[in-house]
Amino acid sequence: MWIRAVILIPTDGRQTSSSLSRVTKAQRTGPLRAEALVRRAPMGFLWNQIYQLWLFGSSFLLTLVLSRGLSTDQYGVFATALTAFTTASYLAAFGLEEAATIWVPRALTEDGRAQASSVIRRLIGVRLLFLLAVCAALIFLLPVIPSLLARLSLPGAAGLASTLRDPAVQNHLIPLAFYVAGSGLVSLLFAIFTSLLRTRVTLVVSGFSQGANLAIAWLFLWLGWGVDGALWALGIISWLTAFAYFCWLAPLLFARRPRQIISLRPALRLSVAAWQTNLAGGALLKQVVVFLLVLYAFSYTQIGFFNLAFQLGHSAGLLLVAGLSGVSMATMAAAYSGENRSWLAISWRAVLKVQTLLALPLLIFSLLNAQAIVIVLFGSQYAGVGPLLQLFLAFNILTRVSGGGMHQAALYVLGKQRVVVLLQWASLGLTVLLGFLLIPKVGPMGALVATGVPPVFVELAQLAFLWPSLNRRYPLHFVLRYGLALVLPVCFGLIWHLQGLIGLAVAGILFTILLVAGLLLVKPLEAEDAALLGKMNSWLRSALMLLIRKSALPAAEVISAGDGS
């Protein structure tokens, strides 16, 4: 399926004119570049997913290294410093990763390597400016801010001054700033490679860096360098990782300057919107609910139960689809080359199906075995988390079926980021309202309802705004057929409950076998999916073709024959 029209990226918000020869060249090469990029999406997701699984595992191992290499007090200091690192990194990010994920592939497919190189260089320049400002504030302003706040007579100023004066942060500002700068640069370079669907590179570079983090952190702790040693180790590896990415990116980064540079304003508008969206949907969502639990004087045990259910629920929802992050948005951005909404709609439906296909089994299995999972991981003293986890997993399942973040990516690609921002802040307002209504009555259960309902509302509202723009239906038939394939494993999970680690492993294997059998019997994939698979040359094509109904198989055969001719 070829992309028919190519429209050059607007400059300063308006479409630019060009010579007939340039348009003709773009019409010849733009669709080829776009389709070449989209064809890499399946394997791009696979490599990214492998890296995300390694990231989960290596982060856990790093926690073990740090907790064993530091005293309990030192580990508390490190955790406090890491909280400051997270806040500073968030301020420096400014949504540039989302901007890169959309505008780099768009520039590459519509205007070629020179224009993509220009966009990359300017995005890196903006990131460096923000990193410089944030790190300078950490080193030079943070030491004097507490004394300035202490002089103010404003309510809460003294408490904030005491928090900022915490030695856990003040005594480690230089290695902390070094780590913030390196990590901020790596995160943008990672997004750039993901946007180009070069995720095998990110698997190699960032995969090795995670292993190096473990080795260097252990070495510095063994040498007795304490908290500073751990922070310096993470910072050094982040800068070495950035250097490796720069070396790999050099051929594109130093491509010739284009004759006419496209405006970066649309990309920066998207970055501001993404920053506001992430603030409402990530940084503030959980903190608001925890604040309400504290306000209504619930015990630390109940707050801990809420936090554990929240984290486990999110982990179950993200573990098998973390590789879609960035890849899905980059794929849709490439498909939208030339403002081709038809190809964008097909890509949108495809990633919707992929995230549903991969996320639901683990969520449903966790829902059916929540109590056993909690006891195996944390012991019987946390058995009370089980019902809370089941409730939150139910909301996560509804969120995934409703869209799972794919509508937001499509709205970003279409330039409708204002809709995303408004809906996300409305969702935060709904969280606060539900929290005030439910937390005083049912405590952590009400807190999980307050954080579980709004994401479903956001997904449905985003779908309502997106639907008219794409003129393609939500893949309801696929979801219903997939639900039919899940009937047998769900019935098995309801009837047979096994306890302990071995019991959970056996239950998981049997659940998977029954699910695969159900999928082979129901075959939920459609003719549209067959056409997409016909363009793939990887082993994934052979595996997924087993899930396509016989009536849809000719679509894949026609596409494959057309590509081979």
Protein backbone atom coordinates (compact mmCIF):
# COMPACT_ATOMS: atom_id res chain seq x y z
CA MET A 1 0.00 0.00 0.00
CA TRP A 2 1.69 3.14 -1.20
CA ILE A 3 1.41 6.63 0.17
CA ARG A 4 0.13 8.76 -2.70
CA ALA A 5 0.65 12.42 -1.76
CA VAL A 6 3.48 14.28 -0.10
CA ILE A 7 3.01 17.76 1.39
CA LEU A 8 6.10 19.53 2.62
CA ILE A 9 6.34 20.33 6.34
CA PRO A 10 4.95 23.82 7.02
CA THR A 11 7.32 26.64 7.74
CA ASP A 12 6.11 28.99 10.49
CA GLY A 13 2.77 27.21 10.40
CA ARG A 14 2.16 27.70 6.63
CA GLN A 15 2.79 25.44 3.68
CA THR A 16 5.86 26.48 1.68
CA SER A 17 6.06 26.61 -2.08
CA SER A 18 8.91 25.05 -4.01
CA SER A 19 9.98 24.41 -7.53
CA LEU A 20 8.26 21.80 -9.68
CA SER A 21 11.41 19.70 -9.84
CA ARG A 22 11.65 19.51 -6.04
CA VAL A 23 7.98 18.51 -5.68
CA THR A 24 8.41 15.83 -8.33
CA LYS A 25 11.44 14.44 -6.51
CA ALA A 26 9.59 14.46 -3.19
CA GLN A 27 6.67 12.65 -4.78
CA ARG A 28 9.03 9.97 -6.03
CA THR A 29 11.14 9.52 -2.90
CA GLY A 30 8.83 10.52 -0.03
CA PRO A 31 6.52 7.49 -0.21
CA LEU A 32 9.51 5.17 -0.55
CA ARG A 33 11.16 6.62 2.57
CA ALA A 34 7.89 6.54 4.51
CA GLU A 35 7.11 2.94 3.63
CA ALA A 36 10.68 1.85 4.33
CA LEU A 37 10.38 3.37 7.80
CA VAL A 38 6.99 1.79 8.48
CA ARG A 39 8.24 -1.63 7.35
CA ARG A 40 10.82 -1.54 10.17
CA ALA A 41 8.11 -1.05 12.80
CA PRO A 42 7.48 -4.75 13.75
CA MET A 43 11.13 -5.57 14.33
CA GLY A 44 11.60 -2.11 15.83
CA PHE A 45 9.00 -2.96 18.44
CA LEU A 46 10.58 -6.36 19.10
CA TRP A 47 14.07 -4.94 19.76
CA ASN A 48 12.62 -2.14 21.89
CA GLN A 49 10.56 -4.63 23.89
CA ILE A 50 13.62 -6.78 24.58
CA TYR A 51 15.44 -3.69 25.82
CA GLN A 52 12.52 -2.65 28.04
CA LEU A 53 12.43 -6.09 29.65
CA TRP A 54 16.19 -5.87 30.26
CA LEU A 55 15.66 -2.38 31.70
CA PHE A 56 13.10 -3.72 34.18
CA GLY A 57 15.46 -6.50 35.23
CA SER A 58 18.63 -4.41 35.40
CA SER A 59 16.88 -1.69 37.40
CA PHE A 60 15.86 -4.30 39.94
CA LEU A 61 19.43 -5.64 40.08
CA LEU A 62 20.78 -2.11 40.50
CA THR A 63 18.44 -1.61 43.44
CA LEU A 64 19.85 -4.78 45.00
CA VAL A 65 23.44 -3.60 44.42
CA LEU A 66 22.76 -0.20 45.97
CA SER A 67 20.72 -1.49 48.91
CA ARG A 68 23.44 -4.03 49.77
CA GLY A 69 26.38 -1.68 49.13
CA LEU A 70 25.01 1.22 51.17
CA SER A 71 23.88 1.34 54.78
CA THR A 72 20.16 1.83 55.41
CA ASP A 73 20.74 5.51 56.19
CA GLN A 74 22.89 5.99 53.09
CA TYR A 75 20.29 4.25 50.94
CA GLY A 76 17.67 6.64 52.30
CA VAL A 77 19.94 9.55 51.35
CA PHE A 78 20.42 8.09 47.87
CA ALA A 79 16.64 7.65 47.43
CA THR A 80 16.07 11.27 48.44
CA ALA A 81 18.76 12.48 46.03
CA LEU A 82 17.23 10.34 43.29
CA THR A 83 13.86 12.02 43.88
CA ALA A 84 15.56 15.37 43.29
CA PHE A 85 17.15 13.90 40.15
CA THR A 86 13.74 12.82 38.85
CA THR A 87 12.27 16.28 39.41
CA ALA A 88 15.22 18.02 37.74
CA SER A 89 15.16 15.61 34.79
CA TYR A 90 11.47 16.21 34.33
CA LEU A 91 11.99 19.99 34.26
CA ALA A 92 14.80 19.64 31.71
CA ALA A 93 12.85 17.25 29.47
CA PHE A 94 10.22 19.81 28.37
CA GLY A 95 8.51 17.23 26.15
CA LEU A 96 11.32 17.19 23.58
CA GLU A 97 11.27 13.38 23.35
CA GLU A 98 7.71 13.47 21.99
CA ALA A 99 8.64 16.25 19.57
CA ALA A 100 11.59 14.23 18.27
CA THR A 101 9.50 11.06 17.93
CA ILE A 102 7.09 12.82 15.56
CA TRP A 103 9.10 15.50 13.75
CA VAL A 104 12.32 13.58 13.00
CA PRO A 105 10.61 10.80 10.97
CA ARG A 106 8.29 13.35 9.39
CA ALA A 107 11.21 15.51 8.25
CA LEU A 108 13.08 12.43 7.00
CA THR A 109 10.18 11.00 4.97
CA GLU A 110 8.98 14.30 3.51
CA ASP A 111 12.20 16.27 2.99
CA GLY A 112 15.06 13.80 3.33
CA ARG A 113 18.22 13.40 5.37
CA ALA A 114 19.34 17.02 5.28
CA GLN A 115 16.11 18.32 6.79
CA ALA A 116 16.00 15.52 9.39
CA SER A 117 19.59 16.34 10.36
CA SER A 118 18.64 19.99 10.81
CA VAL A 119 15.71 19.07 13.08
CA ILE A 120 17.90 16.75 15.17
CA ARG A 121 20.65 19.34 15.63
CA ARG A 122 18.20 22.01 16.76
CA LEU A 123 16.37 19.69 19.15
CA ILE A 124 19.68 18.70 20.73
CA GLY A 125 20.58 22.38 21.01
CA VAL A 126 17.33 23.15 22.84
CA ARG A 127 17.88 20.18 25.16
CA LEU A 128 21.40 21.40 25.99
CA LEU A 129 20.07 24.87 26.86
CA PHE A 130 17.46 23.42 29.23
CA LEU A 131 20.01 21.08 30.78
CA LEU A 132 22.41 23.97 31.32
CA ALA A 133 19.72 26.05 33.00
CA VAL A 134 18.50 23.23 35.26
CA CYS A 135 22.00 22.12 36.27
CA ALA A 136 23.06 25.72 36.96
CA ALA A 137 19.99 26.12 39.16
CA LEU A 138 20.87 22.91 41.01
CA ILE A 139 24.46 23.97 41.70
CA PHE A 140 24.11 27.72 42.28
CA LEU A 141 20.50 28.47 43.26
CA LEU A 142 19.41 25.46 45.32
CA PRO A 143 21.93 26.19 48.13
CA VAL A 144 20.59 29.74 48.65
CA ILE A 145 16.86 29.20 48.05
CA PRO A 146 16.16 27.73 51.55
CA SER A 147 17.51 30.81 53.33
CA LEU A 148 15.48 33.09 51.05
CA LEU A 149 12.30 31.11 51.70
CA ALA A 150 12.92 31.13 55.46
CA ARG A 151 12.72 34.93 55.43
CA LEU A 152 9.28 34.95 53.82
CA SER A 153 6.16 35.03 55.97
CA LEU A 154 4.11 33.04 53.46
CA PRO A 155 2.25 29.91 54.68
CA GLY A 156 4.29 26.78 54.06
CA ALA A 157 7.47 28.67 53.18
CA ALA A 158 9.31 27.47 56.28
CA GLY A 159 8.37 23.84 55.62
CA LEU A 160 9.49 24.07 51.99
CA ALA A 161 12.75 25.68 53.08
CA SER A 162 13.36 22.82 55.51
CA THR A 163 12.71 20.27 52.76
CA LEU A 164 15.10 21.97 50.31
CA ARG A 165 17.76 22.26 53.01
CA ASP A 166 17.87 18.47 53.33
CA PRO A 167 21.55 17.39 53.41
CA ALA A 168 20.59 14.35 51.31
CA VAL A 169 20.26 16.76 48.38
CA GLN A 170 22.52 19.68 49.32
CA ASN A 171 25.61 17.52 49.92
CA HIS A 172 25.48 15.82 46.52
CA LEU A 173 24.61 18.60 44.08
CA ILE A 174 27.61 18.32 41.73
CA PRO A 175 27.36 14.57 40.97
CA LEU A 176 23.58 15.00 40.85
CA ALA A 177 23.86 17.76 38.21
CA PHE A 178 26.40 15.67 36.27
CA TYR A 179 23.97 12.75 36.24
CA VAL A 180 20.99 14.95 35.25
CA ALA A 181 22.91 16.38 32.27
CA GLY A 182 24.09 13.02 30.96
CA SER A 183 20.76 11.29 31.49
CA GLY A 184 18.84 14.14 29.84
CA LEU A 185 21.02 13.94 26.76
CA VAL A 186 20.71 10.16 26.56
CA SER A 187 16.92 10.24 26.81
CA LEU A 188 16.64 12.58 23.82
CA LEU A 189 19.14 10.57 21.73
CA PHE A 190 17.25 7.39 22.65
CA ALA A 191 14.02 9.03 21.41
CA ILE A 192 15.72 10.08 18.15
CA PHE A 193 16.92 6.54 17.41
CA THR A 194 13.50 5.17 18.33
CA SER A 195 11.84 7.69 16.01
CA LEU A 196 14.00 6.35 13.19
CA LEU A 197 13.00 2.82 14.28
CA ARG A 198 16.68 1.96 14.82
CA THR A 199 15.83 0.17 18.05
CA ARG A 200 18.47 -2.50 17.53
CA VAL A 201 20.98 0.30 18.13
CA THR A 202 19.21 1.35 21.33
CA LEU A 203 19.14 -2.27 22.49
CA VAL A 204 22.91 -2.57 22.01
CA VAL A 205 23.97 0.84 23.37
CA SER A 206 21.51 1.31 26.23
CA GLY A 207 21.53 -2.43 26.98
CA PHE A 208 25.30 -2.38 27.53
CA SER A 209 25.00 0.85 29.53
CA GLN A 210 22.56 -0.80 31.96
CA GLY A 211 25.04 -3.62 32.50
CA ALA A 212 27.86 -1.08 32.94
CA ASN A 213 25.75 0.75 35.54
CA LEU A 214 25.66 -2.42 37.62
CA ALA A 215 29.41 -3.05 37.31
CA ILE A 216 30.64 0.52 37.92
CA ALA A 217 28.18 1.19 40.75
CA TRP A 218 29.31 -2.03 42.47
CA LEU A 219 32.99 -1.08 41.98
CA PHE A 220 32.58 2.44 43.39
CA LEU A 221 30.61 1.14 46.38
CA TRP A 222 33.25 -1.56 46.96
CA LEU A 223 35.86 1.23 47.01
CA GLY A 224 33.83 2.89 49.78
CA TRP A 225 32.76 5.98 47.85
CA GLY A 226 29.20 5.83 49.20
CA VAL A 227 26.31 7.90 47.82
CA ASP A 228 28.55 10.18 45.79
CA GLY A 229 30.19 7.14 44.23
CA ALA A 230 26.82 5.71 43.18
CA LEU A 231 25.76 9.03 41.62
CA TRP A 232 29.10 9.50 39.85
CA ALA A 233 28.90 5.95 38.49
CA LEU A 234 25.45 6.56 37.01
CA GLY A 235 26.56 9.93 35.63
CA ILE A 236 29.74 8.60 34.01
CA ILE A 237 27.89 5.77 32.28
CA SER A 238 25.20 8.16 31.03
CA TRP A 239 27.80 10.41 29.39
CA LEU A 240 29.60 7.43 27.85
CA THR A 241 26.24 6.24 26.52
CA ALA A 242 25.56 9.68 25.02
CA PHE A 243 28.99 9.60 23.35
CA ALA A 244 28.24 6.18 21.83
CA TYR A 245 24.92 7.44 20.48
CA PHE A 246 26.63 10.51 18.99
CA CYS A 247 29.17 8.30 17.22
CA TRP A 248 26.41 6.15 15.75
CA LEU A 249 24.36 9.20 14.77
CA ALA A 250 27.28 11.13 13.24
CA PRO A 251 26.55 10.32 9.54
CA LEU A 252 23.05 11.77 9.88
CA LEU A 253 23.89 14.45 12.43
CA PHE A 254 26.49 16.06 10.17
CA ALA A 255 24.57 15.81 6.92
CA ARG A 256 24.66 18.90 4.73
CA ARG A 257 22.55 21.89 5.68
CA PRO A 258 19.25 22.07 3.73
CA ARG A 259 18.63 25.02 1.44
CA GLN A 260 15.52 26.05 3.34
CA ILE A 261 15.22 25.05 7.00
CA ILE A 262 11.75 24.17 8.21
CA SER A 263 10.45 25.96 11.28
CA LEU A 264 10.84 24.21 14.62
CA ARG A 265 7.89 26.08 16.13
CA PRO A 266 5.34 23.27 15.56
CA ALA A 267 7.71 20.81 17.20
CA LEU A 268 8.25 23.13 20.18
CA ARG A 269 4.50 23.67 20.52
CA LEU A 270 4.11 19.91 20.66
CA SER A 271 6.88 19.64 23.26
CA VAL A 272 5.19 22.21 25.51
CA ALA A 273 1.88 20.36 25.21
CA ALA A 274 3.54 17.00 25.92
CA TRP A 275 5.27 18.49 28.97
CA GLN A 276 1.94 19.75 30.32
CA THR A 277 0.28 16.41 29.57
CA ASN A 278 3.00 14.44 31.32
CA LEU A 279 2.77 16.79 34.29
CA ALA A 280 -0.96 16.18 34.72
CA GLY A 281 -1.00 12.50 33.83
CA GLY A 282 2.24 11.41 35.47
CA ALA A 283 3.91 13.71 37.96
CA LEU A 284 0.78 15.01 39.70
CA LEU A 285 -1.77 12.19 39.41
CA LYS A 286 -0.39 9.89 42.08
CA GLN A 287 0.93 12.70 44.29
CA VAL A 288 -2.52 14.30 44.52
CA VAL A 289 -4.12 11.07 45.72
CA VAL A 290 -1.33 10.38 48.25
CA PHE A 291 -1.79 13.93 49.56
CA LEU A 292 -5.52 13.26 50.07
CA LEU A 293 -4.78 10.02 51.91
CA VAL A 294 -2.46 11.92 54.22
CA LEU A 295 -4.99 14.75 54.58
CA TYR A 296 -7.68 12.35 55.80
CA ALA A 297 -5.21 10.80 58.27
CA PHE A 298 -4.99 7.30 56.87
CA SER A 299 -2.17 5.20 58.29
CA TYR A 300 1.15 4.75 56.52
CA THR A 301 0.25 1.07 56.12
CA GLN A 302 -2.86 1.94 54.10
CA ILE A 303 -0.92 4.46 52.03
CA GLY A 304 1.71 1.79 51.40
CA PHE A 305 -0.98 -0.68 50.30
CA PHE A 306 -2.34 1.88 47.83
CA ASN A 307 1.15 2.60 46.49
CA LEU A 308 1.94 -1.09 46.05
CA ALA A 309 -1.34 -1.83 44.22
CA PHE A 310 -0.79 1.23 42.01
CA GLN A 311 2.76 0.23 41.06
CA LEU A 312 1.96 -3.44 40.47
CA GLY A 313 -1.09 -2.59 38.36
CA HIS A 314 0.89 -0.23 36.15
CA SER A 315 3.76 -2.70 35.84
CA ALA A 316 1.38 -5.46 34.70
CA GLY A 317 -0.13 -3.13 32.11
CA LEU A 318 3.19 -1.92 30.73
CA LEU A 319 5.53 -4.91 30.97
CA LEU A 320 4.69 -6.52 27.60
CA VAL A 321 3.90 -3.32 25.68
CA ALA A 322 6.68 -1.03 26.93
CA GLY A 323 8.41 -1.57 23.58
CA LEU A 324 5.52 0.18 21.82
CA SER A 325 6.48 3.44 23.52
CA GLY A 326 7.95 5.71 20.90
CA VAL A 327 7.80 3.06 18.18
CA SER A 328 4.03 3.42 17.75
CA MET A 329 4.19 7.21 17.57
CA ALA A 330 7.13 7.13 15.14
CA THR A 331 5.28 4.62 12.95
CA MET A 332 2.18 6.82 12.83
CA ALA A 333 4.29 9.90 12.13
CA ALA A 334 5.95 8.14 9.18
CA ALA A 335 2.57 6.88 7.94
CA TYR A 336 1.23 10.44 8.04
CA SER A 337 3.91 11.55 5.57
CA GLY A 338 2.20 13.83 3.07
CA GLU A 339 -0.74 14.14 5.48
CA ASN A 340 -2.04 10.76 4.33
CA ARG A 341 -4.82 10.16 6.86
CA SER A 342 -5.82 6.84 5.34
CA TRP A 343 -2.41 5.28 5.98
CA LEU A 344 -2.33 6.92 9.42
CA ALA A 345 -5.69 5.33 10.24
CA ILE A 346 -4.41 1.89 9.22
CA SER A 347 -1.30 2.33 11.39
CA TRP A 348 -3.44 3.55 14.30
CA ARG A 349 -5.68 0.49 14.10
CA ALA A 350 -2.64 -1.79 13.82
CA VAL A 351 -0.94 -0.48 16.98
CA LEU A 352 -4.27 -0.59 18.81
CA LYS A 353 -4.52 -4.29 18.02
CA VAL A 354 -0.91 -4.98 18.97
CA GLN A 355 -1.17 -3.33 22.38
CA THR A 356 -4.48 -5.10 23.07
CA LEU A 357 -3.10 -8.45 21.92
CA LEU A 358 -0.04 -8.19 24.18
CA ALA A 359 -1.27 -6.32 27.25
CA LEU A 360 -4.56 -8.06 28.04
CA PRO A 361 -3.30 -11.60 28.83
CA LEU A 362 -0.91 -10.48 31.59
CA LEU A 363 -3.48 -8.06 33.02
CA ILE A 364 -6.21 -10.72 33.09
CA PHE A 365 -3.89 -13.39 34.52
CA SER A 366 -2.77 -10.93 37.23
CA LEU A 367 -6.41 -10.07 37.99
CA LEU A 368 -7.28 -13.74 38.45
CA ASN A 369 -4.23 -14.42 40.64
CA ALA A 370 -3.70 -11.07 42.36
CA GLN A 371 -3.71 -12.42 45.91
CA ALA A 372 -1.21 -15.19 45.13
CA ILE A 373 1.08 -12.80 43.24
CA VAL A 374 1.19 -10.31 46.11
CA ILE A 375 1.93 -13.02 48.70
CA VAL A 376 4.69 -14.58 46.56
CA LEU A 377 6.38 -11.22 45.94
CA PHE A 378 5.94 -9.50 49.31
CA GLY A 379 4.74 -12.05 51.87
CA SER A 380 1.49 -12.75 53.68
CA GLN A 381 1.67 -9.47 55.62
CA TYR A 382 0.72 -7.72 52.37
CA ALA A 383 -2.26 -9.98 51.61
CA GLY A 384 -4.55 -6.95 52.00
CA VAL A 385 -3.10 -5.53 48.78
CA GLY A 386 -4.72 -8.35 46.76
CA PRO A 387 -8.28 -6.94 46.52
CA LEU A 388 -6.90 -3.44 45.87
CA LEU A 389 -4.73 -4.78 43.06
CA GLN A 390 -7.70 -6.61 41.51
CA LEU A 391 -9.72 -3.39 41.44
CA PHE A 392 -6.92 -1.38 39.85
CA LEU A 393 -6.19 -4.13 37.31
CA ALA A 394 -9.85 -4.05 36.23
CA PHE A 395 -9.50 -0.34 35.46
CA ASN A 396 -6.22 -1.00 33.64
CA ILE A 397 -7.95 -3.57 31.44
CA LEU A 398 -10.67 -1.04 30.56
CA THR A 399 -7.98 1.55 29.79
CA ARG A 400 -6.13 -0.82 27.46
CA VAL A 401 -9.27 -1.89 25.64
CA SER A 402 -10.31 1.76 25.28
CA GLY A 403 -7.05 2.73 23.60
CA GLY A 404 -4.07 2.36 25.92
CA GLY A 405 -2.44 5.65 24.89
CA MET A 406 -2.59 5.04 21.13
CA HIS A 407 -5.27 7.74 20.61
CA GLN A 408 -2.97 10.29 22.25
CA ALA A 409 -0.12 9.40 19.88
CA ALA A 410 -2.42 9.79 16.85
CA LEU A 411 -3.69 13.16 18.11
CA TYR A 412 -0.09 14.32 18.54
CA VAL A 413 0.68 13.29 14.96
CA LEU A 414 -2.37 15.20 13.69
CA GLY A 415 -1.28 18.32 15.58
CA LYS A 416 -4.24 18.19 17.99
CA GLN A 417 -2.09 18.38 21.11
CA ARG A 418 -4.34 21.02 22.71
CA VAL A 419 -7.12 18.45 22.90
CA VAL A 420 -4.74 16.06 24.68
CA VAL A 421 -3.68 18.72 27.20
CA LEU A 422 -7.24 19.81 27.99
CA LEU A 423 -8.48 16.26 28.45
CA GLN A 424 -5.53 15.30 30.64
CA TRP A 425 -6.01 18.27 32.98
CA ALA A 426 -9.75 17.58 33.06
CA SER A 427 -8.84 14.03 34.05
CA LEU A 428 -6.69 15.35 36.89
CA GLY A 429 -9.62 17.47 38.06
CA LEU A 430 -11.84 14.36 38.01
CA THR A 431 -9.22 12.51 40.07
CA VAL A 432 -9.30 15.25 42.71
CA LEU A 433 -13.12 15.26 42.77
CA LEU A 434 -13.38 11.47 43.09
CA GLY A 435 -10.68 11.54 45.74
CA PHE A 436 -12.57 14.03 47.88
CA LEU A 437 -15.78 12.00 47.49
CA LEU A 438 -14.45 8.46 47.94
CA ILE A 439 -11.23 8.50 50.00
CA PRO A 440 -12.88 9.60 53.29
CA LYS A 441 -15.36 6.71 52.95
CA VAL A 442 -13.34 3.77 51.62
CA GLY A 443 -9.71 4.88 51.92
CA PRO A 444 -7.20 3.18 49.54
CA MET A 445 -10.05 1.56 47.59
CA GLY A 446 -11.44 5.04 46.83
CA ALA A 447 -7.94 6.27 45.96
CA LEU A 448 -7.60 3.52 43.35
CA VAL A 449 -11.01 4.35 41.90
CA ALA A 450 -9.95 8.01 41.72
CA THR A 451 -6.81 7.05 39.76
CA GLY A 452 -8.45 4.28 37.69
CA VAL A 453 -11.59 5.93 36.32
CA PRO A 454 -10.06 9.10 34.75
CA PRO A 455 -7.71 7.27 32.32
CA VAL A 456 -10.70 5.38 30.89
CA PHE A 457 -12.53 8.70 30.51
CA VAL A 458 -9.50 10.19 28.74
CA GLU A 459 -9.20 7.29 26.27
CA LEU A 460 -12.90 7.43 25.33
CA ALA A 461 -12.86 11.22 25.00
CA GLN A 462 -9.72 11.12 22.84
CA LEU A 463 -11.34 8.48 20.63
CA ALA A 464 -14.37 10.75 20.19
CA PHE A 465 -12.12 13.61 19.03
CA LEU A 466 -9.96 11.36 16.85
CA TRP A 467 -12.68 9.41 15.08
CA PRO A 468 -13.88 12.18 12.70
CA SER A 469 -10.29 13.01 11.68
CA LEU A 470 -9.40 9.45 10.65
CA ASN A 471 -12.78 8.29 9.39
CA ARG A 472 -11.94 4.73 10.45
CA ARG A 473 -13.74 2.67 13.05
CA TYR A 474 -12.32 1.43 16.31
CA PRO A 475 -11.39 -2.27 15.73
CA LEU A 476 -14.38 -3.60 17.68
CA HIS A 477 -14.63 -6.88 15.73
CA PHE A 478 -11.01 -7.71 16.56
CA VAL A 479 -11.57 -6.96 20.28
CA LEU A 480 -14.70 -9.13 20.39
CA ARG A 481 -13.00 -12.06 18.64
CA TYR A 482 -9.98 -11.68 20.91
CA GLY A 483 -12.33 -11.69 23.91
CA LEU A 484 -13.79 -14.94 22.61
CA ALA A 485 -10.29 -16.45 22.49
CA LEU A 486 -9.81 -15.44 26.14
CA VAL A 487 -12.93 -17.24 27.38
CA LEU A 488 -11.26 -20.64 27.91
CA PRO A 489 -8.15 -19.39 29.80
CA VAL A 490 -10.31 -17.07 31.93
CA CYS A 491 -12.63 -19.95 32.88
CA PHE A 492 -9.57 -22.00 33.78
CA GLY A 493 -8.26 -19.15 35.95
CA LEU A 494 -11.58 -18.78 37.76
CA ILE A 495 -11.81 -22.49 38.56
CA TRP A 496 -8.20 -23.47 39.30
CA HIS A 497 -6.23 -21.37 41.80
CA LEU A 498 -2.67 -22.44 42.59
CA GLN A 499 -0.57 -20.93 45.38
CA GLY A 500 3.14 -20.31 45.65
CA LEU A 501 5.77 -19.52 43.04
CA ILE A 502 5.63 -22.94 41.39
CA GLY A 503 1.84 -22.87 41.37
CA LEU A 504 1.82 -19.46 39.69
CA ALA A 505 4.36 -20.64 37.10
CA VAL A 506 2.25 -23.70 36.26
CA ALA A 507 -0.91 -21.59 36.10
CA GLY A 508 0.83 -19.11 33.80
CA ILE A 509 2.01 -21.84 31.43
CA LEU A 510 -1.44 -23.42 31.23
CA PHE A 511 -3.08 -20.00 30.77
CA THR A 512 -0.71 -19.26 27.88
CA ILE A 513 -1.31 -22.65 26.21
CA LEU A 514 -5.08 -22.20 26.40
CA LEU A 515 -4.82 -18.63 25.07
CA VAL A 516 -2.69 -19.69 22.08
CA ALA A 517 -5.16 -22.49 21.34
CA GLY A 518 -8.04 -20.02 21.52
CA LEU A 519 -6.29 -17.58 19.19
CA LEU A 520 -5.53 -20.33 16.65
CA LEU A 521 -9.17 -21.38 16.78
CA VAL A 522 -10.76 -17.90 16.64
CA LYS A 523 -8.14 -16.22 14.37
CA PRO A 524 -8.89 -12.58 15.29
CA LEU A 525 -6.78 -10.84 12.61
CA GLU A 526 -8.58 -9.36 9.58
CA ALA A 527 -7.90 -8.68 5.89
CA GLU A 528 -6.43 -5.29 6.75
CA ASP A 529 -3.90 -7.02 9.01
CA ALA A 530 -3.15 -9.56 6.30
CA ALA A 531 -2.29 -6.75 3.88
CA LEU A 532 0.13 -5.27 6.40
CA LEU A 533 1.71 -8.64 7.11
CA GLY A 534 2.18 -9.16 3.39
CA LYS A 535 4.74 -6.34 3.47
CA MET A 536 6.83 -7.94 6.22
CA ASN A 537 9.86 -10.09 5.49
CA SER A 538 10.69 -11.14 9.05
CA TRP A 539 9.86 -14.36 10.87
CA LEU A 540 7.08 -12.44 12.64
CA ARG A 541 5.08 -12.62 9.43
CA SER A 542 4.99 -16.43 9.48
CA ALA A 543 3.95 -16.49 13.14
CA LEU A 544 1.19 -13.91 12.84
CA MET A 545 -0.21 -15.34 9.61
CA LEU A 546 -1.49 -18.24 11.73
CA LEU A 547 -3.93 -15.81 13.39
CA ILE A 548 -5.54 -14.64 10.11
CA ARG A 549 -8.82 -16.08 8.91
CA LYS A 550 -8.71 -18.03 5.64
CA SER A 551 -10.98 -15.52 3.92
CA ALA A 552 -8.40 -12.77 4.57
CA LEU A 553 -5.28 -14.66 3.45
CA PRO A 554 -5.47 -13.59 -0.24
CA ALA A 555 -4.84 -9.98 0.82
CA ALA A 556 -1.41 -10.94 2.19
CA GLU A 557 -0.61 -13.05 -0.87
CA VAL A 558 -1.48 -10.21 -3.28
CA ILE A 559 0.71 -7.71 -1.40
CA SER A 560 3.62 -10.16 -1.20
CA ALA A 561 3.37 -10.88 -4.93
CA GLY A 562 3.24 -7.18 -5.72
CA ASP A 563 6.34 -6.46 -3.65
CA GLY A 564 8.23 -9.32 -5.22
CA SER A 565 7.46 -8.36 -8.79
